[in-house]
Amino acid sequence: MEPSTLFNILITILLIKFVIDSVLNHLNAKHFNDTLPNDVSDVYEINEYQKSQSYKRTNYNFSKITSLFSLITTLLFFFFNGFSIVDEIARGFSNNIIIITLFFLELLLLEVISLVFLFLCIKPLL
């Protein structure tokens, strides 16, 4: 299998997953303004139900932004050889394949953690 074919398959999978997730989340979000169903009216209080729906709506709006940002950063990582750069950094520290693998994963994990902190800083601004 050609590397470009594998690259295209991975990009396609990422894009299809993003589209499917977005469509499903949108379909769920269409019901956030629904009234409390009679079947559960004895279990939930109206105020609590409205508070829950409001939370879901806010969470949905924020998740649209974060999922789009995540998709863009992942695509940029693919297109600008981010994995190659991280691999070169990891190989610069050791020749042992286990150490290289652990260091590679640690560098990726640190990137994910920094993105989480970035989102935490951006969230109050939204």
Protein backbone atom coordinates (compact mmCIF):
# COMPACT_ATOMS: atom_id res chain seq x y z
CA MET A 1 0.00 0.00 0.00
CA GLU A 2 1.31 3.41 -0.97
CA PRO A 3 1.90 5.91 1.84
CA SER A 4 -0.27 8.48 0.06
CA THR A 5 -3.15 5.98 -0.08
CA LEU A 6 -2.90 5.34 3.66
CA PHE A 7 -2.68 9.09 4.27
CA ASN A 8 -5.84 9.67 2.22
CA ILE A 9 -7.68 6.86 4.01
CA LEU A 10 -6.81 8.33 7.43
CA ILE A 11 -7.90 11.84 6.39
CA THR A 12 -11.15 10.45 4.96
CA ILE A 13 -11.87 8.53 8.16
CA LEU A 14 -11.28 11.66 10.25
CA LEU A 15 -13.58 13.75 8.06
CA ILE A 16 -16.34 11.13 7.90
CA LYS A 17 -16.25 10.68 11.68
CA PHE A 18 -16.47 14.45 12.17
CA VAL A 19 -19.44 14.75 9.80
CA ILE A 20 -21.32 11.81 11.35
CA ASP A 21 -20.72 13.09 14.89
CA SER A 22 -21.81 16.59 13.90
CA VAL A 23 -25.01 15.37 12.26
CA LEU A 24 -25.93 13.14 15.22
CA ASN A 25 -25.23 15.92 17.72
CA HIS A 26 -27.32 18.33 15.67
CA LEU A 27 -30.23 15.86 15.57
CA ASN A 28 -30.02 15.50 19.34
CA ALA A 29 -29.81 19.27 19.80
CA LYS A 30 -33.08 19.76 17.96
CA HIS A 31 -34.85 18.35 21.03
CA PHE A 32 -33.22 20.56 23.66
CA ASN A 33 -36.23 22.90 23.65
CA ASP A 34 -38.80 20.12 24.11
CA THR A 35 -41.13 20.28 27.05
CA LEU A 36 -41.02 17.78 29.87
CA PRO A 37 -42.66 14.53 28.69
CA ASN A 38 -45.72 13.44 30.68
CA ASP A 39 -44.22 9.98 31.21
CA VAL A 40 -41.46 11.37 33.41
CA SER A 41 -43.20 14.39 34.90
CA ASP A 42 -43.53 12.60 38.24
CA VAL A 43 -39.78 11.86 38.30
CA TYR A 44 -38.36 15.22 37.17
CA GLU A 45 -39.29 18.67 38.30
CA ILE A 46 -39.83 21.16 35.50
CA ASN A 47 -37.10 23.49 36.81
CA GLU A 48 -34.55 20.69 36.98
CA TYR A 49 -35.49 19.48 33.50
CA GLN A 50 -35.10 22.99 32.05
CA LYS A 51 -31.78 23.39 33.83
CA SER A 52 -30.61 20.07 32.38
CA GLN A 53 -31.70 21.06 28.87
CA SER A 54 -29.94 24.41 29.23
CA TYR A 55 -26.77 22.62 30.29
CA LYS A 56 -27.03 20.26 27.31
CA ARG A 57 -27.52 23.20 24.94
CA THR A 58 -24.48 25.03 26.32
CA ASN A 59 -22.39 21.87 26.23
CA TYR A 60 -23.47 21.22 22.64
CA ASN A 61 -22.50 24.74 21.53
CA PHE A 62 -19.10 24.45 23.18
CA SER A 63 -18.52 20.95 21.78
CA LYS A 64 -19.11 22.24 18.25
CA ILE A 65 -16.21 24.65 18.70
CA THR A 66 -13.90 22.15 20.40
CA SER A 67 -14.56 19.34 17.92
CA LEU A 68 -13.91 21.67 14.98
CA PHE A 69 -10.71 22.92 16.62
CA SER A 70 -9.63 19.35 17.30
CA LEU A 71 -10.29 18.35 13.69
CA ILE A 72 -8.33 21.32 12.36
CA THR A 73 -5.34 20.71 14.66
CA THR A 74 -5.30 17.01 13.77
CA LEU A 75 -5.45 17.77 10.04
CA LEU A 76 -2.69 20.36 10.40
CA PHE A 77 -0.62 17.80 12.29
CA PHE A 78 -1.07 15.38 9.37
CA PHE A 79 -0.49 17.88 6.56
CA PHE A 80 2.54 19.58 8.12
CA ASN A 81 4.27 16.32 9.18
CA GLY A 82 3.74 16.82 12.90
CA PHE A 83 4.13 13.11 13.61
CA SER A 84 7.46 13.10 11.77
CA ILE A 85 8.68 16.05 13.83
CA VAL A 86 7.68 14.39 17.11
CA ASP A 87 9.33 11.15 15.95
CA GLU A 88 12.59 12.96 15.16
CA ILE A 89 12.57 14.58 18.59
CA ALA A 90 11.92 11.20 20.25
CA ARG A 91 14.68 9.49 18.27
CA GLY A 92 17.11 12.20 19.34
CA PHE A 93 16.96 10.98 22.95
CA SER A 94 17.58 7.26 22.53
CA ASN A 95 18.16 4.37 20.11
CA ASN A 96 16.06 1.97 22.18
CA ILE A 97 12.74 1.40 20.39
CA ILE A 98 10.78 1.14 23.66
CA ILE A 99 12.20 4.43 24.96
CA ILE A 100 11.48 6.08 21.59
CA THR A 101 7.89 4.83 21.66
CA LEU A 102 7.32 5.98 25.23
CA PHE A 103 8.86 9.37 24.54
CA PHE A 104 6.81 9.75 21.33
CA LEU A 105 3.59 9.00 23.20
CA GLU A 106 4.59 11.33 26.03
CA LEU A 107 5.18 14.20 23.60
CA LEU A 108 1.75 13.61 22.03
CA LEU A 109 0.16 13.43 25.48
CA LEU A 110 1.78 16.70 26.50
CA GLU A 111 0.31 18.28 23.36
CA VAL A 112 -3.16 17.01 24.28
CA ILE A 113 -2.81 18.32 27.83
CA SER A 114 -1.75 21.73 26.55
CA LEU A 115 -4.80 21.79 24.26
CA VAL A 116 -7.04 21.02 27.25
CA PHE A 117 -5.58 23.96 29.15
CA LEU A 118 -6.06 26.12 26.07
CA PHE A 119 -9.75 25.16 25.98
CA LEU A 120 -10.10 25.90 29.67
CA CYS A 121 -8.70 29.38 29.04
CA ILE A 122 -10.93 29.98 26.00
CA LYS A 123 -14.15 28.63 27.54
CA PRO A 124 -14.77 31.65 29.85
CA LEU A 125 -14.42 33.93 26.84
CA LEU A 126 -17.24 32.22 24.92
